[in-house]
Amino acid sequence: MLASRCGSHSHAHDFVATAQKVTAVTAGMDVCLKDEARLPGVESSGVTFSKGMAKIANEYGSSGMITTAEMPRTHMDLDHFIQQLAERARPVARLLAPWRRTALWLAASLLYVGIVVAAYLWADGGLPASMEPRLVLELAAILATAVTAAIAAFSSVIPGRDRRFLLLPLIPLGVWLATLGHGCLQDWRVLGMAGLQLRADWDCAVPALIVSALPAGAMLLMLRRGAPLVPAVSLALGVLATGAVANLGLRIFHAGDLSIQILVWHGGGAVVVSMIASLVGPRVLRWRTWVTRACSALA
């Protein structure tokens, strides 16, 4: 019994000693923190050990996570921006595949060009008496150039699309120019140097502008609905497709012209206008500017 009492007295004594040590350590930490705040160059924060523990406890909720009030401002700004996007977002229809968009554009363009050409042919007395096989091949090459250039143009405004599609118009364009070159050679063999005589053809300027009006406008609007990351290439391909469709109509009621005239004014004109369009493309298809303005409006 005596031993038990002695043991209890010993444990009580140890507990009191331990409590005194903890009190001393806590008091020492408070003193150290206060002394540190008084050092030169260190701002006095008045933080003690007990206050520091209280701050940590307040920062963490019952779940152990940082409370919303203590989250960084950048996170709050990002959450606000996402909320604004969700509230103001409108449903946007997904773009059709490039070949579907080409089919729509080509159908509207050919219908318009057909009406204009029919009006000119009716005023001039109708279609030519006969069409040579070379002219049929040339018209097929022009149509293929329009189709492939349109597909390439609509593919260029889709991010991640295979860039090899941009080379599609080269083959039909080469065939088109080759048929015109072969026609020039035949005219030279039959007519001599007179077959290569170039003259101004201002009578074709007004019909060319009329024929290309709707295809050009439709092409520009459809390209602006995509993401023209390479605006120079996109606009150049769009202009090439438009020029090919216009030449398809012009070639029908200019069937009797010399090939040198068609090569320079029709084929060469389409290529030159496409090159000019590549220079002004970044100013016309300013996709990055549209995105910046849209983000600024949502901010």
Protein backbone atom coordinates (compact mmCIF):
# COMPACT_ATOMS: atom_id res chain seq x y z
CA MET A 1 0.00 0.00 0.00
CA LEU A 2 2.82 2.31 0.82
CA ALA A 3 4.54 1.48 -2.42
CA SER A 4 1.39 2.33 -4.35
CA ARG A 5 1.15 5.70 -2.69
CA CYS A 6 4.80 6.38 -3.39
CA GLY A 7 4.30 5.48 -7.04
CA SER A 8 1.29 7.79 -7.36
CA HIS A 9 3.22 10.59 -5.69
CA SER A 10 6.09 10.02 -8.12
CA HIS A 11 3.78 10.13 -11.17
CA ALA A 12 2.14 13.31 -9.94
CA HIS A 13 5.52 14.87 -9.40
CA ASP A 14 6.59 13.96 -12.97
CA PHE A 15 3.35 15.41 -14.40
CA VAL A 16 3.88 18.70 -12.58
CA ALA A 17 7.46 18.86 -13.80
CA THR A 18 6.41 18.22 -17.40
CA ALA A 19 3.71 20.89 -17.23
CA GLN A 20 6.25 23.40 -15.91
CA LYS A 21 8.60 22.58 -18.80
CA VAL A 22 5.85 23.08 -21.42
CA THR A 23 4.93 26.41 -19.81
CA ALA A 24 8.55 27.50 -19.86
CA VAL A 25 9.00 26.51 -23.53
CA THR A 26 5.84 28.36 -24.53
CA ALA A 27 6.91 31.46 -22.64
CA GLY A 28 10.34 31.26 -24.24
CA MET A 29 8.88 31.06 -27.74
CA ASP A 30 6.70 34.09 -27.03
CA VAL A 31 9.74 36.02 -25.86
CA CYS A 32 11.77 34.96 -28.89
CA LEU A 33 9.05 36.03 -31.31
CA LYS A 34 8.66 39.38 -29.61
CA ASP A 35 12.42 39.93 -29.60
CA GLU A 36 12.59 39.02 -33.29
CA ALA A 37 9.97 41.65 -34.10
CA ARG A 38 12.17 44.27 -32.41
CA LEU A 39 15.22 43.52 -34.60
CA PRO A 40 16.33 46.31 -36.98
CA GLY A 41 14.79 46.01 -40.47
CA VAL A 42 12.01 43.69 -39.29
CA GLU A 43 8.51 45.09 -39.03
CA SER A 44 6.74 44.50 -35.76
CA SER A 45 3.82 42.19 -36.34
CA GLY A 46 2.87 41.56 -32.75
CA VAL A 47 2.48 37.84 -33.50
CA THR A 48 2.92 35.45 -30.61
CA PHE A 49 2.87 31.71 -30.55
CA SER A 50 -0.74 31.57 -29.42
CA LYS A 51 -1.86 34.06 -32.09
CA GLY A 52 -0.01 32.16 -34.81
CA MET A 53 -1.81 28.96 -33.86
CA ALA A 54 -5.12 30.80 -33.87
CA LYS A 55 -4.45 32.14 -37.37
CA ILE A 56 -3.68 28.65 -38.69
CA ALA A 57 -6.86 27.34 -37.13
CA ASN A 58 -8.92 30.10 -38.73
CA GLU A 59 -7.42 29.53 -42.17
CA TYR A 60 -8.52 25.92 -42.20
CA GLY A 61 -12.10 24.91 -41.83
CA SER A 62 -13.46 21.70 -40.50
CA SER A 63 -12.58 19.96 -43.77
CA GLY A 64 -8.95 20.99 -43.57
CA MET A 65 -9.12 23.19 -46.70
CA ILE A 66 -8.27 26.86 -47.07
CA THR A 67 -11.36 29.00 -46.73
CA THR A 68 -12.64 31.01 -49.72
CA ALA A 69 -11.82 34.31 -48.06
CA GLU A 70 -8.13 33.41 -47.97
CA MET A 71 -7.87 32.18 -51.61
CA PRO A 72 -5.51 34.09 -53.91
CA ARG A 73 -7.04 36.85 -55.97
CA THR A 74 -5.92 35.21 -59.23
CA HIS A 75 -8.08 32.18 -58.47
CA MET A 76 -11.04 34.39 -57.71
CA ASP A 77 -10.55 36.30 -60.98
CA LEU A 78 -10.39 33.06 -62.93
CA ASP A 79 -13.57 31.76 -61.31
CA HIS A 80 -15.31 35.04 -62.07
CA PHE A 81 -14.18 34.90 -65.69
CA ILE A 82 -15.43 31.33 -66.09
CA GLN A 83 -18.74 32.32 -64.53
CA GLN A 84 -19.08 35.25 -66.96
CA LEU A 85 -18.38 32.95 -69.90
CA ALA A 86 -21.00 30.48 -68.72
CA GLU A 87 -23.61 33.20 -68.24
CA ARG A 88 -23.05 35.00 -71.54
CA ALA A 89 -22.23 32.04 -73.75
CA ARG A 90 -24.55 31.40 -76.66
CA PRO A 91 -24.96 28.12 -78.50
CA VAL A 92 -22.78 28.06 -81.61
CA ALA A 93 -23.42 25.71 -84.49
CA ARG A 94 -20.48 23.56 -85.40
CA LEU A 95 -18.91 24.26 -88.78
CA LEU A 96 -19.68 21.79 -91.51
CA ALA A 97 -16.91 19.72 -93.04
CA PRO A 98 -14.86 21.59 -95.68
CA TRP A 99 -16.29 19.54 -98.52
CA ARG A 100 -19.84 20.27 -97.38
CA ARG A 101 -19.13 23.98 -97.16
CA THR A 102 -17.56 23.79 -100.61
CA ALA A 103 -20.69 22.12 -101.98
CA LEU A 104 -22.90 24.88 -100.56
CA TRP A 105 -20.66 27.67 -101.81
CA LEU A 106 -20.25 26.08 -105.23
CA ALA A 107 -23.98 25.47 -105.67
CA ALA A 108 -24.84 29.10 -104.89
CA SER A 109 -21.96 30.42 -107.02
CA LEU A 110 -22.74 28.28 -110.07
CA LEU A 111 -26.41 29.20 -109.90
CA TYR A 112 -25.54 32.89 -109.83
CA VAL A 113 -22.90 32.61 -112.54
CA GLY A 114 -25.27 30.59 -114.69
CA ILE A 115 -27.92 33.30 -114.48
CA VAL A 116 -25.43 36.04 -115.39
CA VAL A 117 -23.95 34.02 -118.28
CA ALA A 118 -27.42 33.17 -119.60
CA ALA A 119 -28.33 36.85 -119.60
CA TYR A 120 -25.18 37.77 -121.54
CA LEU A 121 -25.64 34.91 -124.02
CA TRP A 122 -29.26 35.86 -124.60
CA ALA A 123 -28.15 39.45 -125.32
CA ASP A 124 -25.39 38.24 -127.70
CA GLY A 125 -27.45 35.67 -129.57
CA GLY A 126 -26.94 32.37 -127.73
CA LEU A 127 -24.22 29.75 -127.26
CA PRO A 128 -21.43 29.27 -129.84
CA ALA A 129 -22.18 26.83 -132.66
CA SER A 130 -19.67 24.22 -131.47
CA MET A 131 -17.31 23.63 -128.56
CA GLU A 132 -13.93 22.05 -129.16
CA PRO A 133 -12.79 19.14 -126.97
CA ARG A 134 -9.91 21.28 -125.76
CA LEU A 135 -12.39 23.87 -124.49
CA VAL A 136 -14.34 21.17 -122.64
CA LEU A 137 -11.10 19.98 -121.00
CA GLU A 138 -10.24 23.55 -120.09
CA LEU A 139 -13.65 24.11 -118.49
CA ALA A 140 -13.29 20.87 -116.52
CA ALA A 141 -9.86 21.98 -115.27
CA ILE A 142 -11.27 25.39 -114.27
CA LEU A 143 -14.11 23.76 -112.34
CA ALA A 144 -11.69 21.35 -110.62
CA THR A 145 -9.50 24.32 -109.66
CA ALA A 146 -12.49 26.09 -108.11
CA VAL A 147 -13.52 23.00 -106.15
CA THR A 148 -10.07 22.12 -104.81
CA ALA A 149 -9.21 25.75 -103.99
CA ALA A 150 -12.45 26.11 -102.04
CA ILE A 151 -11.82 22.88 -100.10
CA ALA A 152 -8.29 24.06 -99.31
CA ALA A 153 -9.54 27.50 -98.23
CA PHE A 154 -12.19 26.07 -95.90
CA SER A 155 -9.68 23.55 -94.53
CA SER A 156 -7.21 26.32 -93.72
CA VAL A 157 -9.60 27.95 -91.22
CA ILE A 158 -9.89 24.76 -89.12
CA PRO A 159 -7.11 24.51 -86.50
CA GLY A 160 -5.24 21.22 -86.61
CA ARG A 161 -6.31 20.39 -90.15
CA ASP A 162 -3.72 18.66 -92.30
CA ARG A 163 -1.81 21.35 -94.18
CA ARG A 164 -1.37 19.09 -97.19
CA PHE A 165 -4.90 20.03 -98.19
CA LEU A 166 -3.52 23.47 -99.10
CA LEU A 167 -1.71 21.90 -102.06
CA LEU A 168 -4.87 20.46 -103.63
CA PRO A 169 -5.40 23.23 -106.23
CA LEU A 170 -1.93 22.89 -107.72
CA ILE A 171 -2.76 19.89 -109.95
CA PRO A 172 -5.96 21.22 -111.59
CA LEU A 173 -4.43 24.69 -111.82
CA GLY A 174 -1.46 23.20 -113.66
CA VAL A 175 -3.82 21.38 -116.05
CA TRP A 176 -5.76 24.60 -116.65
CA LEU A 177 -2.62 26.55 -117.50
CA ALA A 178 -1.32 23.66 -119.61
CA THR A 179 -4.47 23.65 -121.75
CA LEU A 180 -4.13 27.39 -122.29
CA GLY A 181 -0.48 26.96 -123.22
CA HIS A 182 -1.37 24.22 -125.69
CA GLY A 183 -4.00 26.52 -127.21
CA CYS A 184 -1.41 29.26 -127.63
CA LEU A 185 0.86 26.80 -129.42
CA GLN A 186 -1.93 25.77 -131.80
CA ASP A 187 -2.87 29.39 -132.52
CA TRP A 188 0.78 30.12 -133.35
CA ARG A 189 0.97 27.17 -135.74
CA VAL A 190 -2.21 28.22 -137.56
CA LEU A 191 -1.99 32.03 -137.47
CA GLY A 192 1.70 32.60 -136.94
CA MET A 193 2.69 35.59 -134.83
CA ALA A 194 -0.81 36.97 -135.19
CA GLY A 195 -1.99 34.11 -133.01
CA LEU A 196 0.20 35.40 -130.16
CA GLN A 197 -0.76 39.04 -130.48
CA LEU A 198 -1.98 40.40 -127.16
CA ARG A 199 -4.57 43.15 -127.01
CA ALA A 200 -6.44 44.90 -124.26
CA ASP A 201 -9.74 43.28 -123.35
CA TRP A 202 -11.59 45.92 -121.34
CA ASP A 203 -14.94 44.63 -122.55
CA CYS A 204 -14.44 41.67 -120.22
CA ALA A 205 -13.77 43.78 -117.10
CA VAL A 206 -17.37 44.64 -116.24
CA PRO A 207 -18.74 41.10 -116.77
CA ALA A 208 -15.87 39.73 -114.66
CA LEU A 209 -16.77 42.01 -111.75
CA ILE A 210 -20.45 41.11 -112.01
CA VAL A 211 -19.82 37.36 -112.25
CA SER A 212 -17.44 37.29 -109.28
CA ALA A 213 -19.48 39.52 -106.95
CA LEU A 214 -21.60 36.89 -105.21
CA PRO A 215 -18.95 34.11 -105.09
CA ALA A 216 -16.41 36.53 -103.59
CA GLY A 217 -18.81 37.85 -100.95
CA ALA A 218 -19.98 34.38 -99.97
CA MET A 219 -16.41 33.11 -99.76
CA LEU A 220 -15.34 35.98 -97.50
CA LEU A 221 -18.25 35.51 -95.12
CA MET A 222 -17.67 31.76 -94.89
CA LEU A 223 -13.95 32.18 -94.22
CA ARG A 224 -14.67 34.66 -91.42
CA ARG A 225 -16.74 32.04 -89.62
CA GLY A 226 -13.69 29.86 -89.12
CA ALA A 227 -10.34 30.48 -87.43
CA PRO A 228 -8.02 31.84 -90.15
CA LEU A 229 -4.70 31.24 -88.40
CA VAL A 230 -2.95 31.69 -91.77
CA PRO A 231 -5.07 34.53 -93.21
CA ALA A 232 -2.80 35.19 -96.18
CA VAL A 233 -3.11 31.60 -97.41
CA SER A 234 -6.83 31.38 -96.64
CA LEU A 235 -7.72 34.53 -98.55
CA ALA A 236 -5.44 33.65 -101.48
CA LEU A 237 -7.10 30.25 -101.85
CA GLY A 238 -10.55 31.82 -101.54
CA VAL A 239 -9.76 34.35 -104.26
CA LEU A 240 -8.37 31.59 -106.49
CA ALA A 241 -11.61 29.62 -106.10
CA THR A 242 -13.66 32.73 -106.83
CA GLY A 243 -11.55 33.59 -109.86
CA ALA A 244 -11.90 30.07 -111.22
CA VAL A 245 -15.69 30.17 -110.93
CA ALA A 246 -15.76 33.57 -112.62
CA ASN A 247 -13.50 32.32 -115.41
CA LEU A 248 -15.80 29.34 -115.89
CA GLY A 249 -18.59 31.71 -116.83
CA LEU A 250 -16.46 34.14 -118.80
CA ARG A 251 -14.89 31.37 -120.87
CA ILE A 252 -18.29 30.26 -122.16
CA PHE A 253 -19.19 33.52 -123.86
CA HIS A 254 -15.53 34.19 -124.80
CA ALA A 255 -15.10 30.83 -126.52
CA GLY A 256 -13.83 32.33 -129.77
CA ASP A 257 -11.00 34.37 -128.23
CA LEU A 258 -7.37 33.54 -128.78
CA SER A 259 -5.74 31.42 -126.12
CA ILE A 260 -3.12 34.08 -125.42
CA GLN A 261 -5.91 36.45 -124.38
CA ILE A 262 -7.42 33.86 -122.05
CA LEU A 263 -4.01 32.89 -120.65
CA VAL A 264 -2.98 36.45 -119.80
CA TRP A 265 -6.22 38.12 -118.82
CA HIS A 266 -8.20 35.22 -117.35
CA GLY A 267 -5.69 32.71 -115.99
CA GLY A 268 -2.98 35.27 -115.25
CA GLY A 269 -5.51 37.66 -113.72
CA ALA A 270 -6.77 34.99 -111.30
CA VAL A 271 -3.22 34.16 -110.19
CA VAL A 272 -2.20 37.82 -109.76
CA VAL A 273 -5.33 38.69 -107.77
CA SER A 274 -4.68 35.68 -105.52
CA MET A 275 -1.16 36.91 -104.85
CA ILE A 276 -2.47 40.37 -103.98
CA ALA A 277 -5.04 38.79 -101.68
CA SER A 278 -2.27 36.98 -99.82
CA LEU A 279 -0.73 40.35 -98.96
CA VAL A 280 -3.93 41.90 -97.63
CA GLY A 281 -5.17 38.69 -96.00
CA PRO A 282 -3.88 39.50 -92.47
CA ARG A 283 -5.80 42.79 -92.55
CA VAL A 284 -9.04 41.31 -93.85
CA LEU A 285 -9.14 38.09 -91.81
CA ARG A 286 -8.01 39.47 -88.44
CA TRP A 287 -9.00 36.47 -86.36
CA ARG A 288 -6.77 37.22 -83.37
CA THR A 289 -8.26 40.72 -83.15
CA TRP A 290 -11.78 39.27 -83.09
CA VAL A 291 -10.82 36.91 -80.24
CA THR A 292 -9.20 39.73 -78.25
CA ARG A 293 -12.29 41.89 -78.59
CA ALA A 294 -14.56 39.04 -77.55
CA CYS A 295 -12.47 38.37 -74.44
CA SER A 296 -12.42 42.07 -73.58
CA ALA A 297 -16.20 42.23 -73.84
CA LEU A 298 -16.54 39.33 -71.41
CA ALA A 299 -14.01 40.71 -68.95
